[in-house]
């Protein structure tokens, strides 16, 4: 009887695998890589308004290149694509108040201007990301809270960029 119980699971798994492989599923990273290539270099333009977050942004972008694009970070001279990222705007605004009128949650919004330079093309993208975070009522937002919120919002903005590039790659195919 154990064999039949496990074979039901096995048949279900086999059905799922055949369905996914039969429909021609390709991960979005594959489409994105077809646009940006296997070797990517990045640079971030330092914001005079917020230089601390610009350095953090560079790390976030490099992590995204490795994880989402599944590409290699290389020197600009040998890259297929060079990404130039600039913080277009940073803002945080209150979104939740308690019964006494104190702010208990904020939304951090990050807008990035990303220029994708390849050998024969230069294209500009505007992406946005946001992150909601809570604070203790009547408290000041600490630098740590602010940096983390910017980091999460930037990750979302970069994922939005990846989605745009993936869509371009899917249209080309």
Protein backbone atom coordinates (compact mmCIF):
# COMPACT_ATOMS: atom_id res chain seq x y z
CA UNK A 1 0.00 0.00 0.00
CA UNK A 2 2.92 2.39 0.67
CA UNK A 3 3.97 2.08 -2.95
CA UNK A 4 0.59 3.35 -4.19
CA UNK A 5 0.58 6.31 -1.78
CA UNK A 6 4.05 7.33 -2.93
CA UNK A 7 3.28 6.63 -6.57
CA UNK A 8 0.39 9.10 -6.39
CA UNK A 9 2.82 11.76 -5.20
CA UNK A 10 5.30 10.71 -7.85
CA UNK A 11 2.64 10.94 -10.58
CA UNK A 12 1.61 14.40 -9.39
CA UNK A 13 5.21 15.57 -9.43
CA UNK A 14 5.77 14.08 -12.88
CA UNK A 15 2.63 15.81 -14.16
CA UNK A 16 3.84 19.20 -12.86
CA UNK A 17 7.30 18.77 -14.36
CA UNK A 18 5.89 17.77 -17.75
CA UNK A 19 3.42 20.63 -17.71
CA UNK A 20 6.09 23.23 -16.96
CA UNK A 21 8.60 21.85 -19.44
CA UNK A 22 5.93 21.31 -22.08
CA UNK A 23 4.74 24.91 -22.01
CA UNK A 24 8.18 26.34 -22.75
CA UNK A 25 8.61 28.09 -19.41
CA UNK A 26 11.77 30.18 -19.17
CA UNK A 27 12.78 32.19 -16.11
CA UNK A 28 12.77 35.96 -16.53
CA UNK A 29 16.49 36.07 -15.77
CA UNK A 30 17.10 34.24 -19.05
CA UNK A 31 15.24 36.94 -21.01
CA UNK A 32 17.05 39.67 -19.08
CA UNK A 33 20.43 38.05 -19.76
CA UNK A 34 19.64 37.99 -23.48
CA UNK A 35 19.42 41.80 -23.31
CA UNK A 36 22.27 42.63 -20.90
CA UNK A 37 24.65 39.73 -21.57
CA UNK A 38 26.68 37.55 -19.23
CA UNK A 39 29.15 40.21 -18.03
CA UNK A 40 27.87 43.37 -16.36
CA UNK A 41 29.63 46.32 -14.78
CA UNK A 42 27.97 48.89 -12.56
CA UNK A 43 28.65 52.37 -11.34
CA UNK A 44 26.61 54.58 -9.06
CA UNK A 45 26.61 58.35 -9.26
CA UNK A 46 27.09 59.69 -5.74
CA UNK A 47 24.18 61.78 -4.57
CA UNK A 48 25.26 65.03 -2.94
CA UNK A 49 22.04 64.99 -0.90
CA UNK A 50 22.50 61.46 0.44
CA UNK A 51 26.05 60.10 -0.04
CA UNK A 52 25.73 57.39 2.67
CA UNK A 53 22.84 55.71 0.90
CA UNK A 54 24.58 55.87 -2.47
CA UNK A 55 27.33 53.58 -1.18
CA UNK A 56 24.72 51.19 0.20
CA UNK A 57 22.92 51.36 -3.15
CA UNK A 58 26.05 50.15 -4.98
CA UNK A 59 26.10 47.01 -2.83
CA UNK A 60 22.38 46.45 -3.40
CA UNK A 61 22.78 46.79 -7.16
CA UNK A 62 25.77 44.47 -7.30
CA UNK A 63 23.85 41.88 -5.26
CA UNK A 64 20.91 42.16 -7.67
CA UNK A 65 23.18 41.65 -10.68
CA UNK A 66 24.51 38.46 -9.14
CA UNK A 67 21.19 37.11 -7.85
CA UNK A 68 18.56 38.30 -10.30
CA UNK A 69 20.44 38.61 -13.59
CA UNK A 70 22.62 35.62 -12.64
CA UNK A 71 25.48 37.36 -14.42
CA UNK A 72 29.08 38.11 -13.57
CA UNK A 73 30.29 41.45 -12.24
CA UNK A 74 33.31 42.54 -14.24
CA UNK A 75 35.37 45.61 -15.03
CA UNK A 76 33.75 48.13 -17.36
CA UNK A 77 36.36 47.53 -20.08
CA UNK A 78 35.30 43.89 -20.63
CA UNK A 79 31.58 44.10 -19.84
CA UNK A 80 28.73 43.39 -22.25
CA UNK A 81 26.61 45.98 -20.44
CA UNK A 82 27.47 48.85 -18.15
CA UNK A 83 24.75 50.10 -15.79
CA UNK A 84 24.94 53.67 -14.48
CA UNK A 85 22.60 54.18 -11.55
CA UNK A 86 21.61 57.48 -10.03
CA UNK A 87 19.18 58.15 -7.20
CA UNK A 88 16.55 60.38 -8.79
CA UNK A 89 14.63 60.94 -5.56
CA UNK A 90 14.24 59.68 -2.02
CA UNK A 91 11.26 60.46 0.12
CA UNK A 92 9.49 59.08 3.10
CA UNK A 93 6.01 59.96 4.14
CA UNK A 94 3.73 58.97 7.01
CA UNK A 95 1.09 56.38 6.10
CA UNK A 96 -0.37 55.22 9.45
CA UNK A 97 -1.31 57.22 12.53
CA UNK A 98 -2.39 55.95 15.95
CA UNK A 99 -5.47 57.15 17.85
CA UNK A 100 -3.47 60.06 19.33
CA UNK A 101 -2.33 61.29 15.94
CA UNK A 102 1.25 60.03 16.20
CA UNK A 103 2.84 58.49 13.12
CA UNK A 104 3.33 54.74 13.50
CA UNK A 105 4.38 53.80 9.94
CA UNK A 106 6.18 55.43 7.04
CA UNK A 107 6.61 54.64 3.37
CA UNK A 108 10.08 55.08 1.88
CA UNK A 109 10.00 55.73 -1.87
CA UNK A 110 13.09 55.48 -4.03
CA UNK A 111 13.24 56.50 -7.68
CA UNK A 112 16.27 55.36 -9.66
CA UNK A 113 17.50 56.57 -13.01
CA UNK A 114 19.32 53.65 -14.66
CA UNK A 115 21.24 54.00 -17.92
CA UNK A 116 22.02 50.73 -19.69
CA UNK A 117 25.00 51.07 -22.01
CA UNK A 118 25.85 48.27 -24.42
CA UNK A 119 28.21 48.34 -27.37
CA UNK A 120 25.59 49.66 -29.76
CA UNK A 121 22.84 51.08 -27.55
CA UNK A 122 22.26 53.40 -24.63
CA UNK A 123 18.84 53.30 -22.98
CA UNK A 124 17.50 55.09 -19.90
CA UNK A 125 15.02 53.59 -17.43
CA UNK A 126 13.16 55.18 -14.54
CA UNK A 127 12.21 52.74 -11.81
CA UNK A 128 10.51 53.13 -8.47
CA UNK A 129 10.46 51.06 -5.34
CA UNK A 130 8.92 51.50 -1.95
CA UNK A 131 9.11 49.98 1.50
CA UNK A 132 6.70 50.44 4.41
CA UNK A 133 8.13 50.36 7.92
CA UNK A 134 6.73 50.97 11.36
CA UNK A 135 8.08 53.06 14.21
CA UNK A 136 7.19 53.51 17.85
CA UNK A 137 4.60 56.30 18.21
CA UNK A 138 6.15 59.74 18.76
CA UNK A 139 9.62 58.39 17.88
CA UNK A 140 12.22 59.83 15.57
CA UNK A 141 13.15 57.70 12.57
CA UNK A 142 16.68 56.47 13.23
CA UNK A 143 19.38 56.44 10.58
CA UNK A 144 19.40 52.63 10.79
CA UNK A 145 15.65 52.46 10.05
CA UNK A 146 16.06 54.91 7.22
CA UNK A 147 19.05 53.08 5.65
CA UNK A 148 17.25 49.74 5.82
CA UNK A 149 14.10 51.22 4.29
CA UNK A 150 16.11 52.77 1.46
CA UNK A 151 17.89 49.46 0.87
CA UNK A 152 14.61 47.51 0.65
CA UNK A 153 13.01 50.16 -1.57
CA UNK A 154 16.07 50.17 -3.84
CA UNK A 155 15.88 46.38 -4.13
CA UNK A 156 12.29 46.71 -5.30
CA UNK A 157 13.25 49.43 -7.78
CA UNK A 158 15.98 47.21 -9.18
CA UNK A 159 13.54 44.30 -9.49
CA UNK A 160 11.29 46.66 -11.44
CA UNK A 161 14.24 47.41 -13.74
CA UNK A 162 14.87 43.69 -14.18
CA UNK A 163 11.20 43.21 -15.10
CA UNK A 164 11.47 45.94 -17.75
CA UNK A 165 14.62 44.40 -19.22
CA UNK A 166 13.08 40.90 -19.11
CA UNK A 167 10.05 42.18 -21.00
CA UNK A 168 12.36 43.59 -23.67
CA UNK A 169 14.12 40.23 -23.93
CA UNK A 170 10.81 38.37 -24.20
CA UNK A 171 9.64 40.68 -27.01
CA UNK A 172 12.84 40.06 -28.96
CA UNK A 173 12.46 36.26 -28.77
